[in-house]
Amino acid sequence: MAKKKKTPPFAIGDKVASVTLKNLPFVLFLGLLLLLYLGSINSAQRRILRIEELRKEVEALRREYNALESEISYNSKLSRVKKEAGKAPLHLSSRGGRVHRIIVNDQ
């Protein structure tokens, strides 16, 4: 029987290196795919953060809009308008009763 030669430990590294060099195009392709995958994840995270910022901004603007709308609604009530018209500088008052129409003829 023939004796098996013991392979030196550095020969294992040579085998790995030769296999890697044989498959170098595939290894580079996998590296490219990895870079594209990481770039895609980064892009998606940035979009998600931007969407969250915009959602918060929309909520703040919605609250502001509702506050202004309720303020306008409150200030446009007839009793509120009468109260504001009675203050200076207008000093208008309501006598109650019928409404009189003023007609101006431009001649």
Protein backbone atom coordinates (compact mmCIF):
# COMPACT_ATOMS: atom_id res chain seq x y z
CA MET A 1 0.00 0.00 0.00
CA ALA A 2 1.04 3.45 -0.85
CA LYS A 3 1.37 5.90 1.93
CA LYS A 4 -0.73 9.03 1.71
CA LYS A 5 1.29 12.13 1.68
CA LYS A 6 0.45 14.52 4.42
CA THR A 7 -0.51 17.85 3.01
CA PRO A 8 1.13 20.74 4.75
CA PRO A 9 -1.27 23.16 6.47
CA PHE A 10 -0.50 25.94 4.02
CA ALA A 11 -1.68 23.72 1.15
CA ILE A 12 -5.27 24.00 2.40
CA GLY A 13 -5.05 27.76 1.95
CA ASP A 14 -3.73 27.22 -1.54
CA LYS A 15 -6.72 25.03 -2.39
CA VAL A 16 -9.17 27.64 -1.06
CA ALA A 17 -7.37 30.34 -3.01
CA SER A 18 -7.42 28.32 -6.21
CA VAL A 19 -11.15 27.56 -5.85
CA THR A 20 -11.85 31.22 -5.13
CA LEU A 21 -9.84 32.34 -8.14
CA LYS A 22 -11.66 29.83 -10.33
CA ASN A 23 -14.98 31.20 -9.16
CA LEU A 24 -13.91 34.85 -9.05
CA PRO A 25 -16.59 36.13 -11.49
CA PHE A 26 -19.29 34.48 -9.37
CA VAL A 27 -17.81 35.89 -6.14
CA LEU A 28 -17.70 39.38 -7.69
CA PHE A 29 -21.30 38.97 -8.86
CA LEU A 30 -22.36 38.03 -5.32
CA GLY A 31 -20.49 41.07 -4.00
CA LEU A 32 -22.32 43.32 -6.47
CA LEU A 33 -25.65 41.83 -5.42
CA LEU A 34 -24.75 42.46 -1.78
CA LEU A 35 -23.95 46.11 -2.50
CA LEU A 36 -27.23 46.56 -4.38
CA TYR A 37 -29.14 44.93 -1.54
CA LEU A 38 -27.54 47.19 1.09
CA GLY A 39 -28.19 50.26 -1.06
CA SER A 40 -31.82 49.26 -1.45
CA ILE A 41 -32.25 48.84 2.30
CA ASN A 42 -30.67 52.23 2.96
CA SER A 43 -32.89 53.91 0.38
CA ALA A 44 -36.02 52.30 1.83
CA GLN A 45 -35.12 53.41 5.37
CA ARG A 46 -34.60 56.99 4.20
CA ARG A 47 -37.98 56.95 2.45
CA ILE A 48 -39.69 55.60 5.57
CA LEU A 49 -38.14 58.34 7.73
CA ARG A 50 -39.22 61.01 5.23
CA ILE A 51 -42.76 59.63 5.17
CA GLU A 52 -42.91 59.74 8.98
CA GLU A 53 -41.69 63.35 9.00
CA LEU A 54 -44.32 64.32 6.44
CA ARG A 55 -47.03 62.47 8.39
CA LYS A 56 -46.16 64.45 11.54
CA GLU A 57 -46.17 67.69 9.57
CA VAL A 58 -49.57 66.89 8.05
CA GLU A 59 -50.99 66.16 11.51
CA ALA A 60 -49.70 69.48 12.83
CA LEU A 61 -51.16 71.34 9.85
CA ARG A 62 -54.48 69.52 10.28
CA ARG A 63 -54.67 70.57 13.93
CA GLU A 64 -53.87 74.16 12.98
CA TYR A 65 -56.51 74.11 10.24
CA ASN A 66 -59.17 72.77 12.62
CA ALA A 67 -58.30 75.41 15.21
CA LEU A 68 -58.57 78.21 12.65
CA GLU A 69 -61.80 76.81 11.25
CA SER A 70 -63.42 76.66 14.68
CA GLU A 71 -62.21 80.18 15.48
CA ILE A 72 -63.68 81.51 12.24
CA SER A 73 -66.93 79.67 12.90
CA TYR A 74 -67.11 81.14 16.41
CA ASN A 75 -66.32 84.67 15.23
CA SER A 76 -68.87 84.57 12.40
CA LYS A 77 -71.87 83.90 14.68
CA LEU A 78 -74.43 86.69 14.62
CA SER A 79 -74.18 87.38 18.36
CA ARG A 80 -70.40 87.64 18.12
CA VAL A 81 -70.63 89.96 15.09
CA LYS A 82 -73.09 92.22 16.95
CA LYS A 83 -70.79 92.35 19.95
CA GLU A 84 -67.76 93.29 17.82
CA ALA A 85 -69.76 95.88 15.83
CA GLY A 86 -70.78 97.64 19.05
CA LYS A 87 -67.14 98.29 20.00
CA ALA A 88 -65.08 101.30 18.95
CA PRO A 89 -64.60 102.63 16.21
CA LEU A 90 -67.93 101.50 14.69
CA HIS A 91 -70.26 101.89 17.67
CA LEU A 92 -73.09 100.18 15.83
CA SER A 93 -76.11 98.95 17.69
CA SER A 94 -79.08 96.81 16.88
CA ARG A 95 -82.53 98.14 17.67
CA GLY A 96 -84.25 94.88 16.97
CA GLY A 97 -87.35 94.67 14.83
CA ARG A 98 -87.41 94.85 11.08
CA VAL A 99 -84.39 95.13 8.90
CA HIS A 100 -84.28 98.30 6.81
CA ARG A 101 -82.82 98.19 3.38
CA ILE A 102 -80.82 101.18 2.20
CA ILE A 103 -80.93 101.83 -1.54
CA VAL A 104 -78.45 104.21 -3.12
CA ASN A 105 -79.31 105.66 -6.54
CA ASP A 106 -76.26 106.60 -8.55
CA GLN A 107 -77.37 109.44 -10.88
